[in-house]
């Protein structure tokens, strides 16, 4: 299969997962500061970009986080880091899912990871995914307590989540069908509960 055909197949798969939403100039600019193009990363890392596209389509590596309006597949700079940490691509799924005690949860997180939609974290690792889940749950619970879980504690949780998450693109609100986790758990919570 030619490079053009593989790029087209990957773009189609990306749209199947994320829907058909145009990227604006502002989205492209944001994505270009937070991610690298697959071509660029593969060139730096000495990898064949078509081979990586095949791995993505074969559900062995995550899909790109974004496809810019010029067609560039945008991926995190540490795309290959988890496979390296796991001891190689053949061990990646088992290593990844083993971070969750419940195999069903582990498999669900693996599928979410493969979707490429974990653009909500600066670095997509099992530990960061678990920490984000903990923080969003804790922020929700604290906000519902009579004293807002003590404002100091609530703001410490919000600040920690803020450090884990990037700013997001307007595009993300379209593909996720509403507010992002940053909108709901950081921006909105800071507005509802101003820092004392």
Protein backbone atom coordinates (compact mmCIF):
# COMPACT_ATOMS: atom_id res chain seq x y z
CA UNK A 1 0.00 0.00 0.00
CA UNK A 2 1.37 3.42 -0.95
CA UNK A 3 2.10 6.18 1.55
CA UNK A 4 -0.81 8.20 0.16
CA UNK A 5 -3.21 5.27 0.60
CA UNK A 6 -1.99 4.65 4.16
CA UNK A 7 -2.35 8.33 5.06
CA UNK A 8 -5.86 8.34 3.61
CA UNK A 9 -6.80 5.15 5.46
CA UNK A 10 -5.47 6.59 8.73
CA UNK A 11 -7.34 9.87 8.17
CA UNK A 12 -10.55 7.92 7.55
CA UNK A 13 -10.04 5.90 10.72
CA UNK A 14 -9.38 9.13 12.64
CA UNK A 15 -12.69 10.58 11.37
CA UNK A 16 -14.54 7.37 12.29
CA UNK A 17 -13.36 7.83 15.89
CA UNK A 18 -13.59 11.64 16.15
CA UNK A 19 -16.28 12.65 13.67
CA UNK A 20 -16.01 15.14 10.81
CA UNK A 21 -15.07 18.48 12.38
CA UNK A 22 -12.97 21.03 10.51
CA UNK A 23 -9.80 22.30 12.18
CA UNK A 24 -9.59 26.09 12.35
CA UNK A 25 -6.39 28.12 12.02
CA UNK A 26 -6.42 28.52 15.81
CA UNK A 27 -6.80 24.74 16.26
CA UNK A 28 -3.90 24.11 13.87
CA UNK A 29 -1.72 26.63 15.71
CA UNK A 30 -2.51 25.10 19.11
CA UNK A 31 -1.89 21.55 17.91
CA UNK A 32 1.41 22.56 16.30
CA UNK A 33 2.69 23.83 19.67
CA UNK A 34 1.59 20.76 21.65
CA UNK A 35 2.27 17.90 19.22
CA UNK A 36 4.65 16.91 16.42
CA UNK A 37 3.86 15.57 13.00
CA UNK A 38 4.20 11.82 12.59
CA UNK A 39 6.62 12.39 9.71
CA UNK A 40 8.84 14.64 11.84
CA UNK A 41 8.85 12.30 14.84
CA UNK A 42 9.66 9.27 12.69
CA UNK A 43 12.50 11.15 10.96
CA UNK A 44 14.03 12.14 14.31
CA UNK A 45 13.52 8.66 15.79
CA UNK A 46 14.75 6.77 12.72
CA UNK A 47 11.43 5.02 12.10
CA UNK A 48 9.48 4.42 8.92
CA UNK A 49 6.29 6.50 9.03
CA UNK A 50 4.34 4.01 6.90
CA UNK A 51 5.26 1.20 9.28
CA UNK A 52 4.00 3.34 12.18
CA UNK A 53 0.75 4.06 10.31
CA UNK A 54 0.27 0.31 9.89
CA UNK A 55 0.82 -0.17 13.64
CA UNK A 56 -1.82 2.49 14.33
CA UNK A 57 -4.31 0.92 11.93
CA UNK A 58 -3.53 -2.50 13.45
CA UNK A 59 -4.32 -1.17 16.94
CA UNK A 60 -0.81 -1.59 18.27
CA UNK A 61 -0.12 2.14 18.67
CA UNK A 62 -2.60 4.97 19.30
CA UNK A 63 -4.14 6.93 16.45
CA UNK A 64 -2.90 10.50 16.00
CA UNK A 65 -4.30 12.94 18.53
CA UNK A 66 -5.22 15.32 15.71
CA UNK A 67 -5.13 15.57 11.93
CA UNK A 68 -4.33 19.17 11.07
CA UNK A 69 -6.20 20.91 8.26
CA UNK A 70 -3.19 20.34 5.98
CA UNK A 71 -3.48 16.58 6.60
CA UNK A 72 -0.50 16.28 8.96
CA UNK A 73 -1.01 13.49 11.52
CA UNK A 74 -0.15 15.08 14.86
CA UNK A 75 1.15 12.83 17.64
CA UNK A 76 2.71 13.31 21.07
CA UNK A 77 6.49 13.66 21.08
CA UNK A 78 6.65 10.65 23.44
CA UNK A 79 4.54 8.39 21.19
CA UNK A 80 7.04 5.51 21.39
CA UNK A 81 8.00 5.94 25.05
CA UNK A 82 5.44 3.53 26.52
CA UNK A 83 6.36 0.74 24.11
CA UNK A 84 10.01 1.26 25.03
CA UNK A 85 9.16 1.20 28.75
CA UNK A 86 7.06 -1.95 28.28
CA UNK A 87 9.96 -3.76 26.61
CA UNK A 88 8.63 -3.46 23.07
CA UNK A 89 5.39 -3.33 21.11
CA UNK A 90 4.68 -7.01 21.69
CA UNK A 91 4.53 -6.42 25.46
CA UNK A 92 2.81 -3.02 25.38
CA UNK A 93 -0.84 -4.06 25.75
CA UNK A 94 -0.19 -6.51 28.60
CA UNK A 95 2.09 -4.03 30.37
CA UNK A 96 -0.43 -1.20 29.95
CA UNK A 97 -3.53 -3.10 31.08
CA UNK A 98 -1.70 -4.61 34.10
CA UNK A 99 -1.70 -1.14 35.70
CA UNK A 100 -5.40 -1.66 36.54
CA UNK A 101 -6.47 -4.31 39.07
CA UNK A 102 -9.68 -4.93 37.13
CA UNK A 103 -8.93 -6.47 33.69
CA UNK A 104 -12.14 -5.02 32.21
CA UNK A 105 -11.11 -1.50 33.24
CA UNK A 106 -7.60 -2.13 31.95
CA UNK A 107 -8.94 -3.22 28.56
CA UNK A 108 -11.28 -0.21 28.40
CA UNK A 109 -8.37 2.14 29.14
CA UNK A 110 -6.25 0.37 26.50
CA UNK A 111 -8.99 0.96 23.92
CA UNK A 112 -9.25 4.61 24.99
CA UNK A 113 -5.46 4.93 24.67
CA UNK A 114 -5.54 3.45 21.14
CA UNK A 115 -8.24 5.96 20.10
CA UNK A 116 -5.65 8.76 20.33
CA UNK A 117 -8.17 10.82 22.31
CA UNK A 118 -6.02 11.12 25.43
CA UNK A 119 -5.11 14.64 24.30
CA UNK A 120 -6.16 15.70 27.80
CA UNK A 121 -2.75 14.82 29.25
CA UNK A 122 0.70 16.24 28.62
CA UNK A 123 2.06 12.70 28.88
CA UNK A 124 -0.20 9.69 28.36
CA UNK A 125 0.90 7.04 30.83
CA UNK A 126 -1.15 4.65 32.96
CA UNK A 127 -0.09 6.61 36.06
CA UNK A 128 -1.19 9.95 34.56
CA UNK A 129 -4.51 8.46 33.40
CA UNK A 130 -5.18 7.07 36.89
CA UNK A 131 -4.17 10.32 38.55
CA UNK A 132 -6.47 12.33 36.29
CA UNK A 133 -9.36 9.98 37.10
CA UNK A 134 -8.65 10.33 40.81
CA UNK A 135 -8.42 14.13 40.62
CA UNK A 136 -11.62 14.65 38.62
CA UNK A 137 -13.52 12.39 41.05
CA UNK A 138 -12.01 14.15 44.08
CA UNK A 139 -12.75 17.62 42.65
CA UNK A 140 -16.38 16.66 42.00
CA UNK A 141 -16.76 15.24 45.50
CA UNK A 142 -15.09 18.23 47.18
CA UNK A 143 -17.22 20.71 45.24
CA UNK A 144 -20.36 18.99 46.54
CA UNK A 145 -19.32 19.20 50.18
CA UNK A 146 -20.85 21.98 52.26
CA UNK A 147 -17.51 23.76 52.75
CA UNK A 148 -16.46 22.85 49.18
CA UNK A 149 -14.16 20.28 50.69
CA UNK A 150 -12.18 23.12 52.25
CA UNK A 151 -11.26 25.66 49.63
CA UNK A 152 -7.55 25.09 50.13
CA UNK A 153 -7.81 21.34 49.49
CA UNK A 154 -10.10 21.87 46.48
CA UNK A 155 -7.68 24.35 44.92
CA UNK A 156 -4.74 22.01 45.52
CA UNK A 157 -6.59 19.28 43.57
CA UNK A 158 -7.49 21.73 40.78
CA UNK A 159 -3.88 22.97 40.57
CA UNK A 160 -2.58 19.41 40.31
CA UNK A 161 -5.02 18.62 37.50
CA UNK A 162 -4.06 21.89 35.81
CA UNK A 163 -0.43 20.72 35.74
CA UNK A 164 -1.42 17.40 34.11
CA UNK A 165 -3.62 18.85 31.36
CA UNK A 166 -2.86 21.02 28.34
CA UNK A 167 -5.15 23.86 27.25
CA UNK A 168 -7.16 21.90 24.60
CA UNK A 169 -8.29 23.15 21.19
CA UNK A 170 -11.77 24.40 20.34
CA UNK A 171 -11.88 21.34 18.05
CA UNK A 172 -11.91 19.13 21.16
CA UNK A 173 -15.24 20.54 22.30
CA UNK A 174 -16.71 19.45 18.95
CA UNK A 175 -15.32 15.94 18.90
CA UNK A 176 -16.12 15.29 22.56
CA UNK A 177 -19.56 16.86 22.22
CA UNK A 178 -19.24 19.48 24.92
CA UNK A 179 -16.96 20.87 27.59
CA UNK A 180 -13.51 19.36 28.09
CA UNK A 181 -12.28 18.14 31.44
CA UNK A 182 -10.30 21.38 31.74
CA UNK A 183 -13.53 23.35 31.23
CA UNK A 184 -15.47 21.32 33.80
CA UNK A 185 -12.89 20.63 36.50
CA UNK A 186 -10.48 23.56 36.29
CA UNK A 187 -12.00 26.66 34.68
CA UNK A 188 -15.55 26.18 35.99
CA UNK A 189 -14.42 25.11 39.48
CA UNK A 190 -12.11 28.11 39.81
CA UNK A 191 -14.99 30.38 38.79
CA UNK A 192 -17.42 28.73 41.24
CA UNK A 193 -14.95 28.60 44.11
CA UNK A 194 -12.55 31.57 43.88
CA UNK A 195 -9.23 31.04 45.56
CA UNK A 196 -9.42 32.36 49.14
